[in-house]
Amino acid sequence: MTIRSLQHALAEFAAEREWEQFHTAKNLATALAGETGELLELFQWLTPEESATVLNDPQSAAQVREEIPDVFAYLLRMADVLGIDLEQALVEKIDINGRKYPADRARGRADKYTQLGD
């Protein structure tokens, strides 16, 4: 499936339930934040090592696999409602970040682009 076909499937799902009235940018942003919080909660007290192997535990894996699509669905729906072409927006953002974080200055560093120097 493509991003566009997923957005179409989500739009049909909402239309069949007459939920379009609730799918405003604000409501979708709020729902996205809520679902992101639910995903974050699964990692909240894990060590870096535990978080790297979270899918090794069947119960944790099931929870993560349930929350990630929720986040993705709300993001796709919000972009669709706002008329944002996610593929094009991401291509543009990669280009912008490439200029902000040149590989020769950013390699191996977690600093914000304003701290990389010239």
Protein backbone atom coordinates (compact mmCIF):
# COMPACT_ATOMS: atom_id res chain seq x y z
CA MET A 1 0.00 0.00 0.00
CA THR A 2 1.04 3.56 -0.56
CA ILE A 3 0.75 6.47 1.84
CA ARG A 4 -2.05 7.86 -0.31
CA SER A 5 -3.96 4.56 -0.29
CA LEU A 6 -3.60 4.33 3.50
CA GLN A 7 -4.95 7.87 3.83
CA HIS A 8 -7.85 6.94 1.57
CA ALA A 9 -8.61 3.86 3.70
CA LEU A 10 -8.56 5.98 6.87
CA ALA A 11 -10.81 8.61 5.27
CA GLU A 12 -13.29 5.89 4.25
CA PHE A 13 -13.17 4.42 7.74
CA ALA A 14 -13.99 7.84 9.22
CA ALA A 15 -16.69 8.55 6.63
CA GLU A 16 -18.46 5.25 7.27
CA ARG A 17 -18.77 6.27 10.92
CA GLU A 18 -19.52 9.95 10.19
CA TRP A 19 -16.42 10.95 12.13
CA GLU A 20 -15.21 13.60 9.68
CA GLN A 21 -16.89 16.21 11.89
CA PHE A 22 -14.48 15.28 14.68
CA HIS A 23 -11.37 15.11 12.50
CA THR A 24 -10.33 18.72 12.75
CA ALA A 25 -6.65 19.62 12.77
CA LYS A 26 -6.82 20.41 16.50
CA ASN A 27 -8.57 17.17 17.40
CA LEU A 28 -6.23 15.08 15.28
CA ALA A 29 -3.17 16.81 16.74
CA THR A 30 -4.51 16.14 20.23
CA ALA A 31 -5.21 12.49 19.40
CA LEU A 32 -1.73 12.17 17.86
CA ALA A 33 -0.14 13.56 21.02
CA GLY A 34 -2.21 11.19 23.15
CA GLU A 35 -1.21 8.14 21.15
CA THR A 36 2.42 9.25 21.13
CA GLY A 37 2.19 9.52 24.92
CA GLU A 38 0.85 5.96 25.11
CA LEU A 39 3.80 4.75 23.04
CA LEU A 40 6.23 6.75 25.16
CA GLU A 41 4.77 5.26 28.33
CA LEU A 42 5.86 1.80 27.18
CA PHE A 43 9.50 2.99 27.17
CA GLN A 44 9.32 5.39 30.12
CA TRP A 45 11.33 3.51 32.74
CA LEU A 46 13.37 1.25 30.50
CA THR A 47 17.13 1.47 30.33
CA PRO A 48 18.64 2.10 26.89
CA GLU A 49 19.51 -1.60 26.74
CA GLU A 50 15.97 -2.68 27.67
CA SER A 51 14.45 -0.31 25.13
CA ALA A 52 16.64 -1.76 22.38
CA THR A 53 15.26 -5.25 23.08
CA VAL A 54 11.65 -4.33 23.91
CA LEU A 55 10.34 -6.52 21.09
CA ASN A 56 11.95 -9.60 22.65
CA ASP A 57 9.21 -9.70 25.29
CA PRO A 58 5.95 -10.89 23.69
CA GLN A 59 3.68 -8.71 25.87
CA SER A 60 5.75 -5.55 25.35
CA ALA A 61 6.09 -6.32 21.64
CA ALA A 62 2.31 -6.61 21.29
CA GLN A 63 1.80 -3.27 23.06
CA VAL A 64 4.40 -1.48 20.93
CA ARG A 65 2.94 -3.00 17.75
CA GLU A 66 -0.47 -1.71 18.82
CA GLU A 67 0.61 1.85 19.63
CA ILE A 68 2.88 2.59 16.65
CA PRO A 69 0.09 2.15 14.08
CA ASP A 70 -2.15 4.41 16.17
CA VAL A 71 0.47 7.16 15.96
CA PHE A 72 0.93 6.55 12.25
CA ALA A 73 -2.81 6.56 11.57
CA TYR A 74 -3.40 9.88 13.28
CA LEU A 75 -0.40 11.41 11.51
CA LEU A 76 -1.65 10.20 8.13
CA ARG A 77 -5.17 11.40 8.85
CA MET A 78 -4.00 14.83 10.01
CA ALA A 79 -1.83 15.32 6.92
CA ASP A 80 -4.75 14.28 4.71
CA VAL A 81 -7.20 16.65 6.42
CA LEU A 82 -4.71 19.52 6.10
CA GLY A 83 -3.85 18.66 2.49
CA ILE A 84 -0.18 17.98 3.19
CA ASP A 85 1.62 15.63 0.81
CA LEU A 86 3.63 13.70 3.38
CA GLU A 87 6.03 12.19 0.87
CA GLN A 88 6.93 15.58 -0.61
CA ALA A 89 7.07 17.23 2.82
CA LEU A 90 9.50 14.58 4.06
CA VAL A 91 11.71 14.87 0.98
CA GLU A 92 11.86 18.64 1.55
CA LYS A 93 12.59 18.17 5.26
CA ILE A 94 15.44 15.76 4.55
CA ASP A 95 16.95 18.40 2.25
CA ILE A 96 16.53 21.13 4.89
CA ASN A 97 18.09 18.93 7.58
CA GLY A 98 20.95 18.03 5.23
CA ARG A 99 21.81 21.72 5.02
CA LYS A 100 21.39 22.25 8.78
CA TYR A 101 23.39 19.16 9.68
CA PRO A 102 26.18 18.70 7.14
CA ALA A 103 27.64 15.22 7.56
CA ASP A 104 31.19 16.49 7.98
CA ARG A 105 30.17 18.60 11.01
CA ALA A 106 27.32 16.55 12.48
CA ARG A 107 28.77 13.04 12.22
CA GLY A 108 28.65 11.34 15.61
CA ARG A 109 27.25 14.41 17.36
CA ALA A 110 23.85 14.98 18.95
CA ASP A 111 24.22 18.76 19.07
CA LYS A 112 21.58 21.09 17.67
CA TYR A 113 22.57 22.56 14.31
CA THR A 114 23.19 25.97 15.93
CA GLN A 115 25.97 24.37 18.01
CA LEU A 116 27.87 22.69 15.16
CA GLY A 117 29.96 25.72 14.24
CA ASP A 118 31.35 26.50 10.80
